[in-house]
Amino acid sequence: MSAPTPAPGDDRPREGYYPDPSIPGYVRYWNGAAWVPGTSRPAPKDGESLAPPPGVTPAVEETGPHFFDEEPGGPAASGPAVTGNAAEETGGS
């Protein structure tokens, strides 16, 4: 089975229930990476919501890049800038 179709503007489908491509009128749980076996069930009526199936852990939300060599608040928060050749200043060669 293929992945569910993401909403316009999304780059990949989010976790949740999507129409089951193999059974018309049913939904199946997508965990963000693959279909979860044994989660196919009749589609809910309008206004009804389905909770994630038991044993399914929600995927971690991606937040973007993290630069561990930078201090929070930008370069100004890390103190004065180092200028010159560090080897010359410490006497190294």
PDB file of N, CA and C in Angstrom:
ATOM      1  N   MET A   1       0.837  -1.175   0.000  1.00  0.00           N
ATOM      2  CA  MET A   1       0.000   0.000   0.000  1.00  0.00           C
ATOM      3  C   MET A   1       0.879   1.233   0.000  1.00  0.00           C
ATOM      4  N   SER A   2       0.380   2.266  -0.594  1.00  0.00           N
ATOM      5  CA  SER A   2       1.158   3.499  -0.648  1.00  0.00           C
ATOM      6  C   SER A   2       0.790   4.411   0.521  1.00  0.00           C
ATOM      7  N   ALA A   3       1.579   5.444   0.693  1.00  0.00           N
ATOM      8  CA  ALA A   3       1.334   6.423   1.753  1.00  0.00           C
ATOM      9  C   ALA A   3       0.106   7.251   1.412  1.00  0.00           C
ATOM     10  N   PRO A   4      -0.566   7.787   2.430  1.00  0.00           N
ATOM     11  CA  PRO A   4      -1.712   8.646   2.155  1.00  0.00           C
ATOM     12  C   PRO A   4      -1.266   9.932   1.468  1.00  0.00           C
ATOM     13  N   THR A   5      -2.181  10.560   0.771  1.00  0.00           N
ATOM     14  CA  THR A   5      -1.877  11.805   0.076  1.00  0.00           C
ATOM     15  C   THR A   5      -1.835  12.946   1.076  1.00  0.00           C
ATOM     16  N   PRO A   6      -0.711  13.698   1.140  1.00  0.00           N
ATOM     17  CA  PRO A   6      -0.641  14.814   2.085  1.00  0.00           C
ATOM     18  C   PRO A   6      -1.539  15.965   1.648  1.00  0.00           C
ATOM     19  N   ALA A   7      -1.879  16.805   2.588  1.00  0.00           N
ATOM     20  CA  ALA A   7      -2.695  17.984   2.285  1.00  0.00           C
ATOM     21  C   ALA A   7      -1.889  18.947   1.417  1.00  0.00           C
ATOM     22  N   PRO A   8      -2.545  19.796   0.648  1.00  0.00           N
ATOM     23  CA  PRO A   8      -1.810  20.755  -0.179  1.00  0.00           C
ATOM     24  C   PRO A   8      -0.879  21.610   0.689  1.00  0.00           C
ATOM     25  N   GLY A   9       0.353  21.734   0.242  1.00  0.00           N
ATOM     26  CA  GLY A   9       1.330  22.524   0.976  1.00  0.00           C
ATOM     27  C   GLY A   9       2.177  21.708   1.933  1.00  0.00           C
ATOM     28  N   ASP A  10       1.749  20.495   2.277  1.00  0.00           N
ATOM     29  CA  ASP A  10       2.549  19.632   3.147  1.00  0.00           C
ATOM     30  C   ASP A  10       3.523  18.844   2.287  1.00  0.00           C
ATOM     31  N   ASP A  11       4.678  18.514   2.850  1.00  0.00           N
ATOM     32  CA  ASP A  11       5.633  17.719   2.093  1.00  0.00           C
ATOM     33  C   ASP A  11       5.485  16.231   2.358  1.00  0.00           C
ATOM     34  N   ARG A  12       4.829  15.870   3.456  1.00  0.00           N
ATOM     35  CA  ARG A  12       4.596  14.454   3.748  1.00  0.00           C
ATOM     36  C   ARG A  12       3.348  14.332   4.613  1.00  0.00           C
ATOM     37  N   PRO A  13       2.699  13.175   4.581  1.00  0.00           N
ATOM     38  CA  PRO A  13       1.469  13.018   5.364  1.00  0.00           C
ATOM     39  C   PRO A  13       1.757  12.985   6.859  1.00  0.00           C
ATOM     40  N   ARG A  14       0.875  13.562   7.642  1.00  0.00           N
ATOM     41  CA  ARG A  14       0.974  13.563   9.101  1.00  0.00           C
ATOM     42  C   ARG A  14       0.374  12.272   9.631  1.00  0.00           C
ATOM     43  N   GLU A  15       0.685  11.951  10.886  1.00  0.00           N
ATOM     44  CA  GLU A  15       0.115  10.744  11.465  1.00  0.00           C
ATOM     45  C   GLU A  15      -1.363  10.953  11.741  1.00  0.00           C
ATOM     46  N   GLY A  16      -2.112   9.886  11.673  1.00  0.00           N
ATOM     47  CA  GLY A  16      -3.545   9.945  11.919  1.00  0.00           C
ATOM     48  C   GLY A  16      -4.276   8.955  11.042  1.00  0.00           C
ATOM     49  N   TYR A  17      -5.589   9.023  11.083  1.00  0.00           N
ATOM     50  CA  TYR A  17      -6.410   8.116  10.283  1.00  0.00           C
ATOM     51  C   TYR A  17      -6.614   8.702   8.889  1.00  0.00           C
ATOM     52  N   TYR A  18      -6.489   7.839   7.883  1.00  0.00           N
ATOM     53  CA  TYR A  18      -6.710   8.199   6.489  1.00  0.00           C
ATOM     54  C   TYR A  18      -7.592   7.140   5.873  1.00  0.00           C
ATOM     55  N   PRO A  19      -8.261   7.455   4.751  1.00  0.00           N
ATOM     56  CA  PRO A  19      -9.058   6.423   4.078  1.00  0.00           C
ATOM     57  C   PRO A  19      -8.187   5.208   3.754  1.00  0.00           C
ATOM     58  N   ASP A  20      -8.690   4.031   4.080  1.00  0.00           N
ATOM     59  CA  ASP A  20      -7.965   2.790   3.812  1.00  0.00           C
ATOM     60  C   ASP A  20      -8.024   2.532   2.310  1.00  0.00           C
ATOM     61  N   PRO A  21      -6.874   2.511   1.638  1.00  0.00           N
ATOM     62  CA  PRO A  21      -6.894   2.331   0.184  1.00  0.00           C
ATOM     63  C   PRO A  21      -7.360   0.948  -0.252  1.00  0.00           C
ATOM     64  N   SER A  22      -7.387  -0.018   0.670  1.00  0.00           N
ATOM     65  CA  SER A  22      -7.784  -1.363   0.277  1.00  0.00           C
ATOM     66  C   SER A  22      -9.244  -1.687   0.583  1.00  0.00           C
ATOM     67  N   ILE A  23      -9.907  -0.875   1.443  1.00  0.00           N
ATOM     68  CA  ILE A  23     -11.299  -1.151   1.810  1.00  0.00           C
ATOM     69  C   ILE A  23     -12.101   0.149   1.745  1.00  0.00           C
ATOM     70  N   PRO A  24     -12.971   0.310   0.754  1.00  0.00           N
ATOM     71  CA  PRO A  24     -13.789   1.521   0.664  1.00  0.00           C
ATOM     72  C   PRO A  24     -14.659   1.704   1.903  1.00  0.00           C
ATOM     73  N   GLY A  25     -14.747   2.935   2.404  1.00  0.00           N
ATOM     74  CA  GLY A  25     -15.574   3.236   3.570  1.00  0.00           C
ATOM     75  C   GLY A  25     -14.879   2.978   4.896  1.00  0.00           C
ATOM     76  N   TYR A  26     -13.631   2.575   4.873  1.00  0.00           N
ATOM     77  CA  TYR A  26     -12.864   2.321   6.088  1.00  0.00           C
ATOM     78  C   TYR A  26     -11.698   3.300   6.178  1.00  0.00           C
ATOM     79  N   VAL A  27     -11.185   3.480   7.385  1.00  0.00           N
ATOM     80  CA  VAL A  27      -9.990   4.279   7.606  1.00  0.00           C
ATOM     81  C   VAL A  27      -8.932   3.378   8.241  1.00  0.00           C
ATOM     82  N   ARG A  28      -7.684   3.818   8.126  1.00  0.00           N
ATOM     83  CA  ARG A  28      -6.568   3.068   8.691  1.00  0.00           C
ATOM     84  C   ARG A  28      -5.572   4.068   9.255  1.00  0.00           C
ATOM     85  N   TYR A  29      -4.865   3.700  10.317  1.00  0.00           N
ATOM     86  CA  TYR A  29      -3.959   4.623  10.998  1.00  0.00           C
ATOM     87  C   TYR A  29      -2.592   4.652  10.316  1.00  0.00           C
ATOM     88  N   TRP A  30      -2.117   5.877  10.043  1.00  0.00           N
ATOM     89  CA  TRP A  30      -0.801   6.118   9.472  1.00  0.00           C
ATOM     90  C   TRP A  30       0.039   6.756  10.566  1.00  0.00           C
ATOM     91  N   ASN A  31       1.188   6.160  10.923  1.00  0.00           N
ATOM     92  CA  ASN A  31       1.989   6.674  12.037  1.00  0.00           C
ATOM     93  C   ASN A  31       3.014   7.719  11.627  1.00  0.00           C
ATOM     94  N   GLY A  32       2.951   8.190  10.401  1.00  0.00           N
ATOM     95  CA  GLY A  32       3.891   9.185   9.908  1.00  0.00           C
ATOM     96  C   GLY A  32       4.964   8.563   9.037  1.00  0.00           C
ATOM     97  N   ALA A  33       5.122   7.233   9.125  1.00  0.00           N
ATOM     98  CA  ALA A  33       6.121   6.543   8.319  1.00  0.00           C
ATOM     99  C   ALA A  33       5.537   5.329   7.593  1.00  0.00           C
ATOM    100  N   ALA A  34       4.510   4.700   8.175  1.00  0.00           N
ATOM    101  CA  ALA A  34       3.937   3.492   7.576  1.00  0.00           C
ATOM    102  C   ALA A  34       2.531   3.252   8.123  1.00  0.00           C
ATOM    103  N   TRP A  35       1.772   2.421   7.419  1.00  0.00           N
ATOM    104  CA  TRP A  35       0.464   2.014   7.917  1.00  0.00           C
ATOM    105  C   TRP A  35       0.667   1.124   9.134  1.00  0.00           C
ATOM    106  N   VAL A  36      -0.167   1.296  10.163  1.00  0.00           N
ATOM    107  CA  VAL A  36      -0.079   0.465  11.370  1.00  0.00           C
ATOM    108  C   VAL A  36      -1.009  -0.726  11.173  1.00  0.00           C
ATOM    109  N   PRO A  37      -0.471  -1.944  11.222  1.00  0.00           N
ATOM    110  CA  PRO A  37      -1.304  -3.131  11.008  1.00  0.00           C
ATOM    111  C   PRO A  37      -2.406  -3.251  12.062  1.00  0.00           C
ATOM    112  N   GLY A  38      -3.553  -3.738  11.644  1.00  0.00           N
ATOM    113  CA  GLY A  38      -4.656  -4.004  12.561  1.00  0.00           C
ATOM    114  C   GLY A  38      -5.450  -2.780  12.974  1.00  0.00           C
ATOM    115  N   THR A  39      -5.282  -1.650  12.288  1.00  0.00           N
ATOM    116  CA  THR A  39      -5.986  -0.425  12.693  1.00  0.00           C
ATOM    117  C   THR A  39      -7.098  -0.043  11.726  1.00  0.00           C
ATOM    118  N   SER A  40      -7.389  -0.874  10.737  1.00  0.00           N
ATOM    119  CA  SER A  40      -8.457  -0.576   9.796  1.00  0.00           C
ATOM    120  C   SER A  40      -9.799  -0.702  10.503  1.00  0.00           C
ATOM    121  N   ARG A  41     -10.654   0.307  10.340  1.00  0.00           N
ATOM    122  CA  ARG A  41     -11.975   0.317  10.972  1.00  0.00           C
ATOM    123  C   ARG A  41     -12.930   1.164  10.136  1.00  0.00           C
ATOM    124  N   PRO A  42     -14.251   1.019  10.348  1.00  0.00           N
ATOM    125  CA  PRO A  42     -15.190   1.842   9.577  1.00  0.00           C
ATOM    126  C   PRO A  42     -14.913   3.326   9.793  1.00  0.00           C
ATOM    127  N   ALA A  43     -15.072   4.089   8.720  1.00  0.00           N
ATOM    128  CA  ALA A  43     -14.850   5.535   8.798  1.00  0.00           C
ATOM    129  C   ALA A  43     -15.828   6.156   9.789  1.00  0.00           C
ATOM    130  N   PRO A  44     -15.386   7.130  10.581  1.00  0.00           N
ATOM    131  CA  PRO A  44     -16.288   7.763  11.550  1.00  0.00           C
ATOM    132  C   PRO A  44     -17.339   8.625  10.847  1.00  0.00           C
ATOM    133  N   LYS A  45     -18.442   8.809  11.506  1.00  0.00           N
ATOM    134  CA  LYS A  45     -19.495   9.678  10.975  1.00  0.00           C
ATOM    135  C   LYS A  45     -19.032  11.128  11.096  1.00  0.00           C
ATOM    136  N   ASP A  46     -19.665  12.044  10.404  1.00  0.00           N
ATOM    137  CA  ASP A  46     -19.290  13.457  10.443  1.00  0.00           C
ATOM    138  C   ASP A  46     -19.276  13.976  11.874  1.00  0.00           C
ATOM    139  N   GLY A  47     -18.197  14.664  12.248  1.00  0.00           N
ATOM    140  CA  GLY A  47     -18.086  15.219  13.587  1.00  0.00           C
ATOM    141  C   GLY A  47     -17.444  14.285  14.594  1.00  0.00           C
ATOM    142  N   GLU A  48     -17.360  13.007  14.281  1.00  0.00           N
ATOM    143  CA  GLU A  48     -16.735  12.023  15.168  1.00  0.00           C
ATOM    144  C   GLU A  48     -15.228  12.055  14.955  1.00  0.00           C
ATOM    145  N   SER A  49     -14.477  11.827  16.025  1.00  0.00           N
ATOM    146  CA  SER A  49     -13.024  11.720  15.876  1.00  0.00           C
ATOM    147  C   SER A  49     -12.566  10.385  16.447  1.00  0.00           C
ATOM    148  N   LEU A  50     -11.450   9.910  15.945  1.00  0.00           N
ATOM    149  CA  LEU A  50     -10.901   8.646  16.405  1.00  0.00           C
ATOM    150  C   LEU A  50      -9.592   8.908  17.137  1.00  0.00           C
ATOM    151  N   ALA A  51      -9.438   8.308  18.307  1.00  0.00           N
ATOM    152  CA  ALA A  51      -8.189   8.417  19.058  1.00  0.00           C
ATOM    153  C   ALA A  51      -7.164   7.467  18.434  1.00  0.00           C
ATOM    154  N   PRO A  52      -5.865   7.788  18.572  1.00  0.00           N
ATOM    155  CA  PRO A  52      -4.855   6.856  18.053  1.00  0.00           C
ATOM    156  C   PRO A  52      -5.032   5.476  18.681  1.00  0.00           C
ATOM    157  N   PRO A  53      -4.729   4.436  17.947  1.00  0.00           N
ATOM    158  CA  PRO A  53      -4.887   3.083  18.496  1.00  0.00           C
ATOM    159  C   PRO A  53      -3.942   2.846  19.669  1.00  0.00           C
ATOM    160  N   PRO A  54      -4.306   1.949  20.585  1.00  0.00           N
ATOM    161  CA  PRO A  54      -3.433   1.660  21.729  1.00  0.00           C
ATOM    162  C   PRO A  54      -2.087   1.111  21.257  1.00  0.00           C
ATOM    163  N   GLY A  55      -1.042   1.501  21.974  1.00  0.00           N
ATOM    164  CA  GLY A  55       0.290   1.014  21.651  1.00  0.00           C
ATOM    165  C   GLY A  55       1.010   1.816  20.590  1.00  0.00           C
ATOM    166  N   VAL A  56       0.340   2.796  20.007  1.00  0.00           N
ATOM    167  CA  VAL A  56       0.990   3.629  18.999  1.00  0.00           C
ATOM    168  C   VAL A  56       1.531   4.868  19.692  1.00  0.00           C
ATOM    169  N   THR A  57       2.840   5.051  19.593  1.00  0.00           N
ATOM    170  CA  THR A  57       3.434   6.244  20.190  1.00  0.00           C
ATOM    171  C   THR A  57       3.481   7.339  19.144  1.00  0.00           C
ATOM    172  N   PRO A  58       3.073   8.545  19.510  1.00  0.00           N
ATOM    173  CA  PRO A  58       3.088   9.635  18.532  1.00  0.00           C
ATOM    174  C   PRO A  58       4.513   9.931  18.063  1.00  0.00           C
ATOM    175  N   ALA A  59       4.635  10.307  16.822  1.00  0.00           N
ATOM    176  CA  ALA A  59       5.942  10.669  16.279  1.00  0.00           C
ATOM    177  C   ALA A  59       6.392  11.991  16.893  1.00  0.00           C
ATOM    178  N   VAL A  60       7.689  12.162  16.976  1.00  0.00           N
ATOM    179  CA  VAL A  60       8.253  13.396  17.514  1.00  0.00           C
ATOM    180  C   VAL A  60       8.117  14.484  16.459  1.00  0.00           C
ATOM    181  N   GLU A  61       7.674  15.648  16.879  1.00  0.00           N
ATOM    182  CA  GLU A  61       7.516  16.757  15.949  1.00  0.00           C
ATOM    183  C   GLU A  61       8.883  17.316  15.586  1.00  0.00           C
ATOM    184  N   GLU A  62       9.117  17.488  14.292  1.00  0.00           N
ATOM    185  CA  GLU A  62      10.380  18.051  13.841  1.00  0.00           C
ATOM    186  C   GLU A  62      10.327  19.567  13.993  1.00  0.00           C
ATOM    187  N   THR A  63      11.414  20.147  14.461  1.00  0.00           N
ATOM    188  CA  THR A  63      11.418  21.583  14.734  1.00  0.00           C
ATOM    189  C   THR A  63      12.340  22.370  13.830  1.00  0.00           C
ATOM    190  N   GLY A  64      13.259  21.748  13.151  1.00  0.00           N
ATOM    191  CA  GLY A  64      14.189  22.463  12.298  1.00  0.00           C
ATOM    192  C   GLY A  64      15.612  22.252  12.763  1.00  0.00           C
ATOM    193  N   PRO A  65      16.549  22.969  12.162  1.00  0.00           N
ATOM    194  CA  PRO A  65      17.959  22.744  12.493  1.00  0.00           C
ATOM    195  C   PRO A  65      18.319  23.248  13.886  1.00  0.00           C
ATOM    196  N   HIS A  66      19.246  22.566  14.519  1.00  0.00           N
ATOM    197  CA  HIS A  66      19.801  22.971  15.809  1.00  0.00           C
ATOM    198  C   HIS A  66      21.305  23.120  15.620  1.00  0.00           C
ATOM    199  N   PHE A  67      21.850  24.254  16.017  1.00  0.00           N
ATOM    200  CA  PHE A  67      23.277  24.498  15.911  1.00  0.00           C
ATOM    201  C   PHE A  67      23.839  24.473  17.319  1.00  0.00           C
ATOM    202  N   PHE A  68      24.496  23.384  17.679  1.00  0.00           N
ATOM    203  CA  PHE A  68      24.954  23.191  19.042  1.00  0.00           C
ATOM    204  C   PHE A  68      26.192  24.013  19.376  1.00  0.00           C
ATOM    205  N   ASP A  69      26.848  24.581  18.363  1.00  0.00           N
ATOM    206  CA  ASP A  69      28.014  25.404  18.636  1.00  0.00           C
ATOM    207  C   ASP A  69      27.651  26.874  18.834  1.00  0.00           C
ATOM    208  N   GLU A  70      26.376  27.212  18.815  1.00  0.00           N
ATOM    209  CA  GLU A  70      25.922  28.589  19.040  1.00  0.00           C
ATOM    210  C   GLU A  70      25.227  28.680  20.389  1.00  0.00           C
ATOM    211  N   GLU A  71      25.415  29.809  21.041  1.00  0.00           N
ATOM    212  CA  GLU A  71      24.743  30.060  22.311  1.00  0.00           C
ATOM    213  C   GLU A  71      23.324  30.543  22.054  1.00  0.00           C
ATOM    214  N   PRO A  72      22.384  30.252  22.937  1.00  0.00           N
ATOM    215  CA  PRO A  72      21.033  30.791  22.772  1.00  0.00           C
ATOM    216  C   PRO A  72      21.088  32.314  22.777  1.00  0.00           C
ATOM    217  N   GLY A  73      20.348  32.940  21.901  1.00  0.00           N
ATOM    218  CA  GLY A  73      20.327  34.392  21.836  1.00  0.00           C
ATOM    219  C   GLY A  73      21.265  34.952  20.792  1.00  0.00           C
ATOM    220  N   GLY A  74      22.002  34.115  20.089  1.00  0.00           N
ATOM    221  CA  GLY A  74      22.846  34.593  19.010  1.00  0.00           C
ATOM    222  C   GLY A  74      24.285  34.800  19.434  1.00  0.00           C
ATOM    223  N   PRO A  75      25.129  35.276  18.508  1.00  0.00           N
ATOM    224  CA  PRO A  75      26.555  35.434  18.769  1.00  0.00           C
ATOM    225  C   PRO A  75      26.867  36.441  19.881  1.00  0.00           C
ATOM    226  N   ALA A  76      26.052  37.476  20.064  1.00  0.00           N
ATOM    227  CA  ALA A  76      26.315  38.478  21.092  1.00  0.00           C
ATOM    228  C   ALA A  76      26.265  37.872  22.488  1.00  0.00           C
ATOM    229  N   ALA A  77      25.493  36.814  22.672  1.00  0.00           N
ATOM    230  CA  ALA A  77      25.351  36.206  23.991  1.00  0.00           C
ATOM    231  C   ALA A  77      26.569  35.365  24.368  1.00  0.00           C
ATOM    232  N   SER A  78      27.445  35.065  23.412  1.00  0.00           N
ATOM    233  CA  SER A  78      28.579  34.191  23.697  1.00  0.00           C
ATOM    234  C   SER A  78      29.823  34.957  24.145  1.00  0.00           C
ATOM    235  N   GLY A  79      29.788  36.290  24.238  1.00  0.00           N
ATOM    236  CA  GLY A  79      30.932  37.065  24.699  1.00  0.00           C
ATOM    237  C   GLY A  79      31.630  37.743  23.541  1.00  0.00           C
ATOM    238  N   PRO A  80      32.795  38.317  23.806  1.00  0.00           N
ATOM    239  CA  PRO A  80      33.497  39.052  22.753  1.00  0.00           C
ATOM    240  C   PRO A  80      34.006  38.109  21.665  1.00  0.00           C
ATOM    241  N   ALA A  81      34.073  38.642  20.454  1.00  0.00           N
ATOM    242  CA  ALA A  81      34.543  37.848  19.331  1.00  0.00           C
ATOM    243  C   ALA A  81      36.052  37.674  19.427  1.00  0.00           C
ATOM    244  N   VAL A  82      36.552  36.512  19.007  1.00  0.00           N
ATOM    245  CA  VAL A  82      37.987  36.240  18.997  1.00  0.00           C
ATOM    246  C   VAL A  82      38.530  36.722  17.666  1.00  0.00           C
ATOM    247  N   THR A  83      39.601  37.521  17.717  1.00  0.00           N
ATOM    248  CA  THR A  83      40.202  38.021  16.488  1.00  0.00           C
ATOM    249  C   THR A  83      41.632  37.531  16.389  1.00  0.00           C
ATOM    250  N   GLY A  84      42.155  37.518  15.188  1.00  0.00           N
ATOM    251  CA  GLY A  84      43.536  37.118  14.988  1.00  0.00           C
ATOM    252  C   GLY A  84      43.676  35.619  14.934  1.00  0.00           C
ATOM    253  N   ASN A  85      44.911  35.153  14.852  1.00  0.00           N
ATOM    254  CA  ASN A  85      45.205  33.731  14.780  1.00  0.00           C
ATOM    255  C   ASN A  85      45.313  33.178  16.200  1.00  0.00           C
ATOM    256  N   ALA A  86      44.495  32.246  16.557  1.00  0.00           N
ATOM    257  CA  ALA A  86      44.465  31.704  17.922  1.00  0.00           C
ATOM    258  C   ALA A  86      45.791  31.034  18.271  1.00  0.00           C
ATOM    259  N   ALA A  87      46.481  30.438  17.298  1.00  0.00           N
ATOM    260  CA  ALA A  87      47.757  29.772  17.565  1.00  0.00           C
ATOM    261  C   ALA A  87      48.815  30.789  17.971  1.00  0.00           C
ATOM    262  N   GLU A  88      48.801  31.998  17.338  1.00  0.00           N
ATOM    263  CA  GLU A  88      49.761  33.037  17.676  1.00  0.00           C
ATOM    264  C   GLU A  88      49.515  33.565  19.072  1.00  0.00           C
ATOM    265  N   GLU A  89      48.244  33.757  19.450  1.00  0.00           N
ATOM    266  CA  GLU A  89      47.901  34.328  20.742  1.00  0.00           C
ATOM    267  C   GLU A  89      48.234  33.382  21.886  1.00  0.00           C
ATOM    268  N   THR A  90      48.173  32.078  21.671  1.00  0.00           N
ATOM    269  CA  THR A  90      48.443  31.122  22.749  1.00  0.00           C
ATOM    270  C   THR A  90      49.865  30.648  22.745  1.00  0.00           C
ATOM    271  N   GLY A  91      50.630  31.067  21.746  1.00  0.00           N
ATOM    272  CA  GLY A  91      52.019  30.660  21.692  1.00  0.00           C
ATOM    273  C   GLY A  91      52.211  29.312  21.033  1.00  0.00           C
ATOM    274  N   GLY A  92      51.187  28.745  20.450  1.00  0.00           N
ATOM    275  CA  GLY A  92      51.305  27.454  19.773  1.00  0.00           C
ATOM    276  C   GLY A  92      51.918  27.610  18.401  1.00  0.00           C
ATOM    277  N   SER A  93      52.261  26.498  17.784  1.00  0.00           N
ATOM    278  CA  SER A  93      52.814  26.597  16.440  1.00  0.00           C
ATOM    279  C   SER A  93      52.048  25.802  15.428  1.00  0.00           C
TER     280      SER A  93
END
